[in-house]
Amino acid sequence: MTRPALTSEPRPQPAGGPVRVPRQDQVVGTAAAVPAVRRADVDAELWPDVARLPPAGPVRTAVARQLVGRALDRLGLTGPSARDRASAPGPRLTLHDADAFHRRIGRHGLIGFGESYMAAEWDSDDLAGVLTVLAAHADDLVPAPLRQLRGLWVASRPVADRNTRDGARANIQRHYDLSNDLFTTFLDPTLTYSSAVFTAFPACFDSLAAAQHRKIDRLLDLAAVGEGTRLLEIGTGWGELALRAAARGAHVTTLTLSAEQAALARERIAAAGLAGRVDVQLRDYRDAEGRYDAVVSVEMIEAVGADYWPAYFTALRRALARGGRIALQAITMGHQQMLHTAATHTFISKYVFPGGLIPSREAIAEHSAAAGLHTAADDGFGEHYAETLRLWRERFTANRPAVTGLGFDPVFQRMWEFYLAYSEAGFRSRYLDVRQLLLTEGTPR
C-alpha cells in the first residue's frame, strides 16, 4: 500500500496565512475531542484501507467475533455502561460498528484493529488504558493452538520497505519529514523525540525539557564527552544533543537522512552560536567518515531494520578511535516477541515507521559482539518512556486545532493518537523497555 498521507509534500495552508502553533505556555491542558470520522467521507486516495472495508470473510469474521469478544469481556474492557461503572471501574472500549470492527480484525489482525480505530468504528474513554490492558495480555489473547497458525493470516513485511540506502531515505522521509511544525505541536522546546529521564512521577509537561536534558547528559557522560572530544552522532533529530555536546566543548559531526530535520537543526545550532563546532550532514550512517573519540546514537537502531543491524554495528566500530566509547539509547522488546514481529507487517510498520524493527537485548548483544564491541553498561528505564509518551499524547490532543490547521485530516489525527497511546501501552505493560548502553572495543583491531 502506498501512503500518500505520509509524504513530505507541502500541506495546504488555510486561508489567512500560515498556521501559528501555540507556544509551550499557551497550550490548553484539556484534550480536544477525538475528531469524528465517517467512513464514507474518508479520502480513499490518502487512506485506501480505512475508507474501504476488506473483502468479506465470513469464517474469519465469525472467529474474530468469538475470540475478540471473549477476550474483551474477560479483560473487563466491555461490559457495564457508564452509569454502572462505579462497581466495575477501568478503561472501556466502545464499539460503534461491531461488524466492521470484527471484519477488519478477522482479515488483518492488529492492523485491522488500528484501522478500525482510524475509521472511528470504536472509541475508548481511556485509549492508552485499553491498549495497556491488551498489551499486558498480548501473548494470551489468542489460544495457543491458533497462535501456531498465525502465518496464515498475518501479512509479511513489504520488500519495498527494506532499508537499502534508497529505502532508508524514503522511510525516514515518510515519518520525520511529515512537517517540523507537526512535531512542534507535541514536543517540548528542546524538540527531543526520544525518552526523557524524570526525577518524579507522575511527570508534568513543564518538567519535560529538563528531563530531556537529563537524558542527554547521561548519554554524554556515558560516552565521556567533554572539551575537545571528537563526537559522531548517528541520528541528528532536531539537534539538541549536538547542541548540548558542543556546549561542553566537543566537536560534533551529526548524521541524518531527514532534510527537514537537518535544516531546522542547522538553524538552531547557528542561533546558539555553535555552528563552528557542529557539522550537520545529510548522510547515511553506512557512509560515515573518520574516527571519533565518542559515538552516540539515540533510538536509531529501531529504524535500521534487522537485515542491516550488522552494518550498523560495523559502522559504529569503524568510526571509533582506539580507546573510544559508544553510548546508545535503544528501545527493546523480548527476544521471542522480536522474532514474531520481524516476520509480521504491523500497524506501526505500515503507518508510522516503515522498515523499522525494535531489537531485543539478545540481538543487540549478538550483533555488537560480532562487530568486536563489548557491552560495558546497560541500564533500563521503560517507565520513563511511558510518561514521556503520555505527555506527548496529551499535548497532541490539546493542540488538535493547530494540527488541523497544518493540513492533517481527522484520520491522520486518530492514527497519530493511536500510535502514541499504543507505544505508551507497550512501556506501561513492560512489553517494551528503553535502555542506555555503553559499548567499547571488545577485540583488537
Protein backbone atom coordinates (compact mmCIF):
# COMPACT_ATOMS: atom_id res chain seq x y z
CA MET A 1 0.00 0.00 0.00
CA THR A 2 1.21 3.49 -0.75
CA ARG A 3 0.92 6.14 1.94
CA PRO A 4 0.26 9.47 0.26
CA ALA A 5 -0.88 10.81 3.64
CA LEU A 6 2.62 10.28 5.00
CA THR A 7 4.77 12.08 2.47
CA SER A 8 6.97 15.13 2.67
CA GLU A 9 4.85 17.08 0.19
CA PRO A 10 3.87 20.52 1.47
CA ARG A 11 0.49 20.56 3.15
CA PRO A 12 -2.07 23.15 2.18
CA GLN A 13 -2.23 26.20 4.41
CA PRO A 14 -5.62 27.60 5.37
CA ALA A 15 -6.76 30.95 4.11
CA GLY A 16 -5.23 33.81 6.01
CA GLY A 17 -1.62 32.63 6.13
CA PRO A 18 0.48 30.03 7.91
CA VAL A 19 -0.74 28.26 10.99
CA ARG A 20 0.52 29.56 14.30
CA VAL A 21 1.42 26.70 16.61
CA PRO A 22 0.83 27.67 20.24
CA ARG A 23 3.83 28.39 22.42
CA GLN A 24 4.56 25.99 25.27
CA ASP A 25 2.88 28.30 27.78
CA GLN A 26 -0.24 28.74 25.63
CA VAL A 27 -1.29 25.11 25.36
CA VAL A 28 -4.64 24.30 26.89
CA GLY A 29 -4.33 21.41 29.31
CA THR A 30 -7.57 19.71 28.30
CA ALA A 31 -7.61 17.42 25.28
CA ALA A 32 -9.83 18.41 22.40
CA ALA A 33 -12.48 15.91 21.39
CA VAL A 34 -11.37 12.96 19.28
CA PRO A 35 -12.17 14.01 15.70
CA ALA A 36 -15.32 12.48 14.25
CA VAL A 37 -14.90 10.34 11.16
CA ARG A 38 -17.46 8.82 8.81
CA ARG A 39 -16.05 6.07 6.63
CA ALA A 40 -17.98 7.41 3.65
CA ASP A 41 -16.11 10.72 3.98
CA VAL A 42 -12.60 9.28 4.30
CA ASP A 43 -10.29 10.22 1.44
CA ALA A 44 -9.79 6.89 -0.34
CA GLU A 45 -6.63 8.08 -2.09
CA LEU A 46 -4.94 9.01 1.17
CA TRP A 47 -6.35 6.19 3.29
CA PRO A 48 -7.49 3.35 1.00
CA ASP A 49 -7.53 0.66 3.70
CA VAL A 50 -9.51 2.87 6.07
CA ALA A 51 -12.03 4.13 3.53
CA ARG A 52 -12.88 0.61 2.34
CA LEU A 53 -13.63 -2.48 4.39
CA PRO A 54 -11.55 -5.54 3.48
CA PRO A 55 -13.15 -8.31 1.42
CA ALA A 56 -15.77 -10.19 3.37
CA GLY A 57 -14.52 -13.36 5.02
CA PRO A 58 -17.44 -14.85 6.93
CA VAL A 59 -15.43 -17.55 8.67
CA ARG A 60 -12.60 -15.23 9.70
CA THR A 61 -15.07 -12.59 10.83
CA ALA A 62 -17.00 -15.13 12.91
CA VAL A 63 -13.79 -16.41 14.51
CA ALA A 64 -12.67 -12.84 15.27
CA ARG A 65 -16.06 -12.02 16.76
CA GLN A 66 -15.87 -15.04 19.04
CA LEU A 67 -12.21 -14.68 20.10
CA VAL A 68 -12.09 -10.89 20.40
CA GLY A 69 -15.48 -10.67 22.09
CA ARG A 70 -14.45 -13.22 24.72
CA ALA A 71 -11.07 -11.55 25.27
CA LEU A 72 -12.56 -8.07 25.70
CA ASP A 73 -15.15 -9.38 28.14
CA ARG A 74 -12.59 -11.44 30.08
CA LEU A 75 -10.30 -8.42 30.44
CA GLY A 76 -13.16 -6.19 31.55
CA LEU A 77 -12.84 -3.84 28.56
CA THR A 78 -16.52 -4.22 27.62
CA GLY A 79 -19.47 -4.60 29.89
CA PRO A 80 -21.14 -2.11 32.23
CA SER A 81 -22.44 1.13 30.81
CA ALA A 82 -21.04 4.43 32.05
CA ARG A 83 -23.68 4.78 34.75
CA ASP A 84 -22.86 1.30 36.12
CA ARG A 85 -19.09 1.58 36.19
CA ALA A 86 -18.78 2.57 39.82
CA SER A 87 -18.95 -1.14 40.59
CA ALA A 88 -16.56 -2.06 37.76
CA PRO A 89 -14.06 0.78 37.20
CA GLY A 90 -11.45 0.71 34.47
CA PRO A 91 -10.95 1.64 30.82
CA ARG A 92 -13.66 0.65 28.36
CA LEU A 93 -13.79 0.02 24.63
CA THR A 94 -17.00 1.14 22.92
CA LEU A 95 -17.95 -0.41 19.58
CA HIS A 96 -19.79 1.82 17.10
CA ASP A 97 -19.72 -0.66 14.20
CA ALA A 98 -19.16 -4.16 15.51
CA ASP A 99 -19.49 -5.82 12.12
CA ALA A 100 -16.76 -3.65 10.56
CA PHE A 101 -14.57 -3.99 13.66
CA HIS A 102 -14.61 -7.82 13.59
CA ARG A 103 -14.33 -7.95 9.81
CA ARG A 104 -11.15 -5.87 9.84
CA ILE A 105 -9.59 -7.89 12.66
CA GLY A 106 -10.59 -11.17 11.02
CA ARG A 107 -8.86 -10.12 7.81
CA HIS A 108 -5.86 -8.09 9.05
CA GLY A 109 -5.42 -8.77 12.77
CA LEU A 110 -3.85 -5.93 14.74
CA ILE A 111 -3.50 -3.76 11.63
CA GLY A 112 -7.27 -4.09 11.22
CA PHE A 113 -7.74 -3.22 14.90
CA GLY A 114 -5.83 0.04 14.39
CA GLU A 115 -7.53 0.84 11.09
CA SER A 116 -10.89 0.31 12.75
CA TYR A 117 -9.94 3.00 15.28
CA MET A 118 -8.83 5.29 12.44
CA ALA A 119 -12.26 4.75 10.85
CA ALA A 120 -13.95 5.60 14.18
CA GLU A 121 -15.62 2.19 14.35
CA TRP A 122 -14.63 2.05 18.02
CA ASP A 123 -13.57 4.51 20.70
CA SER A 124 -12.48 4.48 24.30
CA ASP A 125 -12.80 6.69 27.34
CA ASP A 126 -9.14 5.80 28.06
CA LEU A 127 -7.36 4.74 24.87
CA ALA A 128 -3.95 4.23 26.46
CA GLY A 129 -5.58 2.31 29.32
CA VAL A 130 -7.37 -0.09 26.97
CA LEU A 131 -4.22 -0.65 24.94
CA THR A 132 -2.17 -1.21 28.11
CA VAL A 133 -4.52 -3.97 29.23
CA LEU A 134 -4.32 -5.58 25.79
CA ALA A 135 -0.51 -5.25 25.66
CA ALA A 136 -0.18 -6.87 29.09
CA HIS A 137 -2.06 -9.91 27.74
CA ALA A 138 -0.63 -9.84 24.22
CA ASP A 139 0.74 -13.37 24.49
CA ASP A 140 -2.51 -14.99 25.62
CA LEU A 141 -5.25 -13.14 23.71
CA VAL A 142 -5.33 -15.93 21.11
CA PRO A 143 -5.49 -19.59 22.20
CA ALA A 144 -2.18 -21.42 21.85
CA PRO A 145 -3.33 -23.79 19.05
CA LEU A 146 -4.43 -20.85 16.89
CA ARG A 147 -1.17 -19.00 17.53
CA GLN A 148 0.59 -21.73 15.56
CA LEU A 149 -1.49 -20.72 12.53
CA ARG A 150 -0.62 -17.00 12.66
CA GLY A 151 1.30 -17.29 9.40
CA LEU A 152 -1.98 -17.99 7.60
CA TRP A 153 -3.48 -14.59 8.39
CA VAL A 154 -0.70 -12.11 9.20
CA ALA A 155 0.90 -10.25 6.32
CA SER A 156 4.64 -10.24 5.70
CA ARG A 157 6.60 -7.00 5.63
CA PRO A 158 6.75 -5.37 2.19
CA VAL A 159 10.07 -5.90 0.42
CA ALA A 160 9.91 -2.26 -0.68
CA ASP A 161 10.27 -1.15 2.96
CA ARG A 162 13.74 -2.65 3.37
CA ASN A 163 16.37 -0.14 4.46
CA THR A 164 18.65 -0.14 1.48
CA ARG A 165 20.29 3.25 1.04
CA ASP A 166 17.41 4.46 -1.13
CA GLY A 167 14.84 2.66 1.01
CA ALA A 168 16.16 4.13 4.26
CA ARG A 169 15.97 7.63 2.84
CA ALA A 170 12.38 7.10 1.71
CA ASN A 171 11.35 5.53 5.03
CA ILE A 172 12.83 8.38 7.04
CA GLN A 173 11.08 10.95 4.86
CA ARG A 174 7.72 9.25 5.38
CA HIS A 175 7.93 9.93 9.11
CA TYR A 176 10.42 12.65 10.02
CA ASP A 177 9.72 14.87 7.01
CA LEU A 178 5.98 14.99 7.63
CA SER A 179 6.32 18.55 8.94
CA ASN A 180 8.56 20.15 11.54
CA ASP A 181 5.50 22.10 12.67
CA LEU A 182 3.61 18.86 13.36
CA PHE A 183 6.29 17.72 15.80
CA THR A 184 6.30 21.17 17.40
CA THR A 185 2.66 20.65 18.36
CA PHE A 186 3.54 17.95 20.90
CA LEU A 187 7.29 18.03 21.67
CA ASP A 188 8.84 20.29 24.31
CA PRO A 189 11.08 23.27 23.37
CA THR A 190 14.16 21.00 23.03
CA LEU A 191 12.40 19.18 20.16
CA THR A 192 13.72 15.89 21.52
CA TYR A 193 11.85 12.86 20.12
CA SER A 194 13.04 10.10 22.45
CA SER A 195 12.54 9.04 26.04
CA ALA A 196 13.27 11.54 28.79
CA VAL A 197 14.53 10.74 32.30
CA PHE A 198 12.40 12.22 35.07
CA THR A 199 13.07 12.75 38.77
CA ALA A 200 9.50 12.04 39.92
CA PHE A 201 6.20 10.52 38.76
CA PRO A 202 3.68 11.49 37.60
CA ALA A 203 5.61 13.85 35.36
CA CYS A 204 4.26 17.17 34.12
CA PHE A 205 4.91 18.82 30.77
CA ASP A 206 6.77 21.71 32.39
CA SER A 207 9.42 19.23 33.56
CA LEU A 208 9.90 17.57 30.16
CA ALA A 209 12.63 19.82 28.76
CA ALA A 210 14.77 19.37 31.88
CA ALA A 211 14.10 15.62 31.76
CA GLN A 212 15.28 15.51 28.14
CA HIS A 213 18.47 17.36 29.07
CA ARG A 214 18.96 14.89 31.92
CA LYS A 215 18.72 12.01 29.44
CA ILE A 216 21.14 13.68 27.01
CA ASP A 217 23.63 14.49 29.77
CA ARG A 218 23.58 10.89 30.97
CA LEU A 219 24.45 9.72 27.45
CA LEU A 220 27.20 12.30 27.02
CA ASP A 221 28.64 11.35 30.41
CA LEU A 222 28.47 7.68 29.42
CA ALA A 223 30.48 8.48 26.28
CA ALA A 224 32.87 10.73 28.29
CA VAL A 225 32.16 13.73 26.06
CA GLY A 226 33.94 16.90 27.12
CA GLU A 227 36.25 19.67 25.96
CA GLY A 228 37.91 18.72 22.68
CA THR A 229 36.06 15.39 22.24
CA ARG A 230 35.56 14.37 18.62
CA LEU A 231 31.95 13.16 18.65
CA LEU A 232 29.94 11.40 15.96
CA GLU A 233 26.17 11.39 16.39
CA ILE A 234 24.17 8.96 14.24
CA GLY A 235 20.66 10.34 14.02
CA THR A 236 20.53 14.13 14.44
CA GLY A 237 16.90 14.64 15.32
CA TRP A 238 16.43 18.40 15.58
CA GLY A 239 19.89 18.95 17.01
CA GLU A 240 19.51 19.13 20.78
CA LEU A 241 22.13 16.51 21.63
CA ALA A 242 24.61 18.12 19.23
CA LEU A 243 23.93 21.49 20.85
CA ARG A 244 24.42 20.06 24.32
CA ALA A 245 27.67 18.34 23.32
CA ALA A 246 29.05 21.41 21.57
CA ALA A 247 28.32 23.49 24.66
CA ARG A 248 30.64 21.10 26.54
CA GLY A 249 33.40 21.93 24.07
CA ALA A 250 33.06 18.88 21.81
CA HIS A 251 33.50 18.96 18.04
CA VAL A 252 30.39 17.26 16.67
CA THR A 253 29.65 15.57 13.37
CA THR A 254 26.00 14.56 13.23
CA LEU A 255 24.31 12.50 10.51
CA THR A 256 20.69 12.42 9.37
CA LEU A 257 18.66 11.41 6.32
CA SER A 258 15.86 13.89 7.06
CA ALA A 259 16.19 17.13 5.08
CA GLU A 260 13.56 18.82 7.27
CA GLN A 261 15.36 17.90 10.47
CA ALA A 262 18.75 18.90 9.08
CA ALA A 263 17.51 22.34 8.03
CA LEU A 264 15.96 23.13 11.42
CA ALA A 265 18.92 21.65 13.33
CA ARG A 266 21.31 23.92 11.43
CA GLU A 267 19.11 26.93 12.21
CA ARG A 268 19.05 26.10 15.91
CA ILE A 269 22.80 25.46 16.04
CA ALA A 270 23.56 28.74 14.26
CA ALA A 271 21.19 30.64 16.57
CA ALA A 272 23.10 29.23 19.55
CA GLY A 273 26.39 30.46 18.09
CA LEU A 274 27.76 26.92 17.83
CA ALA A 275 27.90 26.45 14.06
CA GLY A 276 31.69 26.28 14.20
CA ARG A 277 31.54 23.23 16.46
CA VAL A 278 28.78 21.21 14.76
CA ASP A 279 28.71 19.77 11.24
CA VAL A 280 25.23 18.54 10.25
CA GLN A 281 25.50 16.11 7.34
CA LEU A 282 22.77 14.57 5.19
CA ARG A 283 24.47 11.20 5.12
CA ASP A 284 23.68 7.52 5.64
CA TYR A 285 25.33 6.00 8.73
CA ARG A 286 26.93 3.43 6.42
CA ASP A 287 28.85 6.23 4.75
CA ALA A 288 30.25 7.83 7.92
CA GLU A 289 33.82 9.02 7.51
CA GLY A 290 36.64 9.48 10.02
CA ARG A 291 37.43 8.24 13.52
CA TYR A 292 35.95 9.68 16.70
CA ASP A 293 36.62 9.61 20.44
CA ALA A 294 32.93 9.02 21.07
CA VAL A 295 29.88 7.88 19.11
CA VAL A 296 26.33 8.50 20.32
CA SER A 297 23.14 7.20 18.73
CA VAL A 298 19.71 7.71 20.27
CA GLU A 299 16.84 5.39 19.30
CA MET A 300 18.29 4.94 15.85
CA ILE A 301 18.75 1.17 15.82
CA GLU A 302 14.96 0.69 15.71
CA ALA A 303 14.84 2.42 12.30
CA VAL A 304 17.74 0.42 10.84
CA GLY A 305 15.90 -2.86 10.30
CA ALA A 306 17.11 -6.31 11.31
CA ASP A 307 18.77 -7.02 7.94
CA TYR A 308 21.07 -4.06 8.49
CA TRP A 309 21.97 -4.40 12.17
CA PRO A 310 25.33 -5.97 11.23
CA ALA A 311 26.08 -2.95 9.02
CA TYR A 312 25.00 -0.57 11.80
CA PHE A 313 27.30 -2.06 14.44
CA THR A 314 30.12 -2.37 11.93
CA ALA A 315 29.74 1.36 11.18
CA LEU A 316 29.82 2.16 14.91
CA ARG A 317 33.03 0.15 15.41
CA ARG A 318 34.67 1.54 12.27
CA ALA A 319 34.02 5.12 13.42
CA LEU A 320 35.55 4.56 16.87
CA ALA A 321 39.09 5.74 17.59
CA ARG A 322 41.19 3.45 19.74
CA GLY A 323 40.01 3.66 23.35
CA GLY A 324 36.78 5.40 22.33
CA ARG A 325 33.29 4.88 23.74
CA ILE A 326 29.87 4.33 22.17
CA ALA A 327 26.70 5.38 24.02
CA LEU A 328 23.40 4.08 22.66
CA GLN A 329 19.81 4.59 23.67
CA ALA A 330 17.60 1.81 22.31
CA ILE A 331 14.03 0.61 22.67
CA THR A 332 13.95 -3.16 23.26
CA MET A 333 11.42 -5.99 23.41
CA GLY A 334 11.61 -9.66 24.39
CA HIS A 335 13.52 -11.89 22.01
CA GLN A 336 10.64 -14.17 21.03
CA GLN A 337 8.36 -11.17 20.56
CA MET A 338 11.02 -9.62 18.33
CA LEU A 339 11.26 -12.75 16.18
CA HIS A 340 7.48 -12.79 15.70
CA THR A 341 7.36 -9.06 14.96
CA ALA A 342 10.22 -9.31 12.46
CA ALA A 343 8.16 -11.63 10.30
CA THR A 344 4.98 -9.57 10.53
CA HIS A 345 3.69 -6.41 8.89
CA THR A 346 2.38 -4.43 11.86
CA PHE A 347 0.29 -1.30 12.32
CA ILE A 348 3.45 0.62 13.24
CA SER A 349 5.43 -0.63 10.25
CA LYS A 350 2.53 0.17 7.90
CA TYR A 351 1.60 3.64 9.12
CA VAL A 352 4.35 5.05 11.32
CA PHE A 353 7.86 3.59 10.98
CA PRO A 354 8.18 1.66 7.72
CA GLY A 355 11.18 -0.65 7.62
CA GLY A 356 11.87 -0.48 11.34
CA LEU A 357 12.09 -3.19 14.00
CA ILE A 358 12.62 -2.93 17.75
CA PRO A 359 15.52 -5.21 18.75
CA SER A 360 15.83 -7.49 21.75
CA ARG A 361 18.71 -7.19 24.21
CA GLU A 362 19.94 -10.53 22.89
CA ALA A 363 20.01 -9.18 19.31
CA ILE A 364 21.96 -6.10 20.39
CA ALA A 365 24.45 -8.24 22.30
CA GLU A 366 24.88 -10.65 19.40
CA HIS A 367 25.37 -8.05 16.67
CA SER A 368 27.55 -5.72 18.73
CA ALA A 369 29.81 -8.60 19.77
CA ALA A 370 30.07 -9.76 16.13
CA ALA A 371 31.37 -6.27 15.29
CA GLY A 372 34.01 -6.51 18.03
CA LEU A 373 32.21 -4.46 20.67
CA HIS A 374 31.77 -5.17 24.37
CA THR A 375 28.78 -4.07 26.46
CA ALA A 376 30.25 -2.27 29.46
CA ALA A 377 26.99 -0.85 30.87
CA ASP A 378 23.27 -1.44 30.29
CA ASP A 379 20.53 0.43 32.15
CA GLY A 380 16.76 0.22 31.54
CA PHE A 381 14.13 2.88 32.33
CA GLY A 382 10.96 1.94 30.46
CA GLU A 383 8.61 3.63 32.93
CA HIS A 384 10.15 6.96 31.93
CA TYR A 385 9.20 6.39 28.30
CA ALA A 386 5.61 5.67 29.30
CA GLU A 387 5.48 9.09 31.00
CA THR A 388 7.20 10.79 28.06
CA LEU A 389 4.63 9.35 25.64
CA ARG A 390 1.73 10.30 27.89
CA LEU A 391 2.89 13.91 27.91
CA TRP A 392 3.32 13.92 24.13
CA ARG A 393 -0.13 12.39 23.62
CA GLU A 394 -1.84 14.84 25.97
CA ARG A 395 -0.17 17.80 24.30
CA PHE A 396 -1.01 16.49 20.82
CA THR A 397 -4.69 16.10 21.68
CA ALA A 398 -4.75 19.53 23.33
CA ASN A 399 -3.32 21.01 20.14
CA ARG A 400 -5.77 19.44 17.68
CA PRO A 401 -6.80 22.82 16.18
CA ALA A 402 -3.17 23.54 15.27
CA VAL A 403 -2.72 20.06 13.81
CA THR A 404 -5.86 20.55 11.72
CA GLY A 405 -4.58 23.93 10.60
CA LEU A 406 -1.39 22.28 9.35
CA GLY A 407 -3.49 20.21 6.94
CA PHE A 408 -3.61 16.89 8.81
CA ASP A 409 -7.08 15.38 8.49
CA PRO A 410 -9.12 13.62 11.21
CA VAL A 411 -8.00 10.16 10.06
CA PHE A 412 -4.35 11.17 10.47
CA GLN A 413 -5.08 12.62 13.89
CA ARG A 414 -6.75 9.41 15.05
CA MET A 415 -3.84 7.39 13.63
CA TRP A 416 -1.26 9.55 15.41
CA GLU A 417 -3.09 9.43 18.74
CA PHE A 418 -3.41 5.65 18.39
CA TYR A 419 0.34 5.40 17.67
CA LEU A 420 1.26 7.44 20.76
CA ALA A 421 -1.17 5.55 23.01
CA TYR A 422 -0.10 2.18 21.54
CA SER A 423 3.53 3.00 22.25
CA GLU A 424 2.76 4.21 25.78
CA ALA A 425 0.88 0.98 26.45
CA GLY A 426 3.90 -1.05 25.35
CA PHE A 427 6.04 0.55 28.05
CA ARG A 428 3.37 0.60 30.77
CA SER A 429 2.77 -3.13 30.30
CA ARG A 430 6.56 -3.78 30.20
CA TYR A 431 6.18 -5.35 26.78
CA LEU A 432 8.76 -2.74 25.74
CA ASP A 433 11.74 -1.23 27.53
CA VAL A 434 14.24 1.52 26.73
CA ARG A 435 17.91 1.23 27.66
CA GLN A 436 21.13 3.22 27.65
CA LEU A 437 24.18 1.13 26.79
CA LEU A 438 27.91 1.75 26.79
CA LEU A 439 29.88 -0.17 24.17
CA THR A 440 33.65 -0.32 23.98
CA GLU A 441 36.14 -2.21 21.88
CA GLY A 442 35.92 -5.87 22.77
CA THR A 443 38.56 -7.27 20.46
CA PRO A 444 41.81 -5.87 18.98
CA ARG A 445 41.60 -4.27 15.57
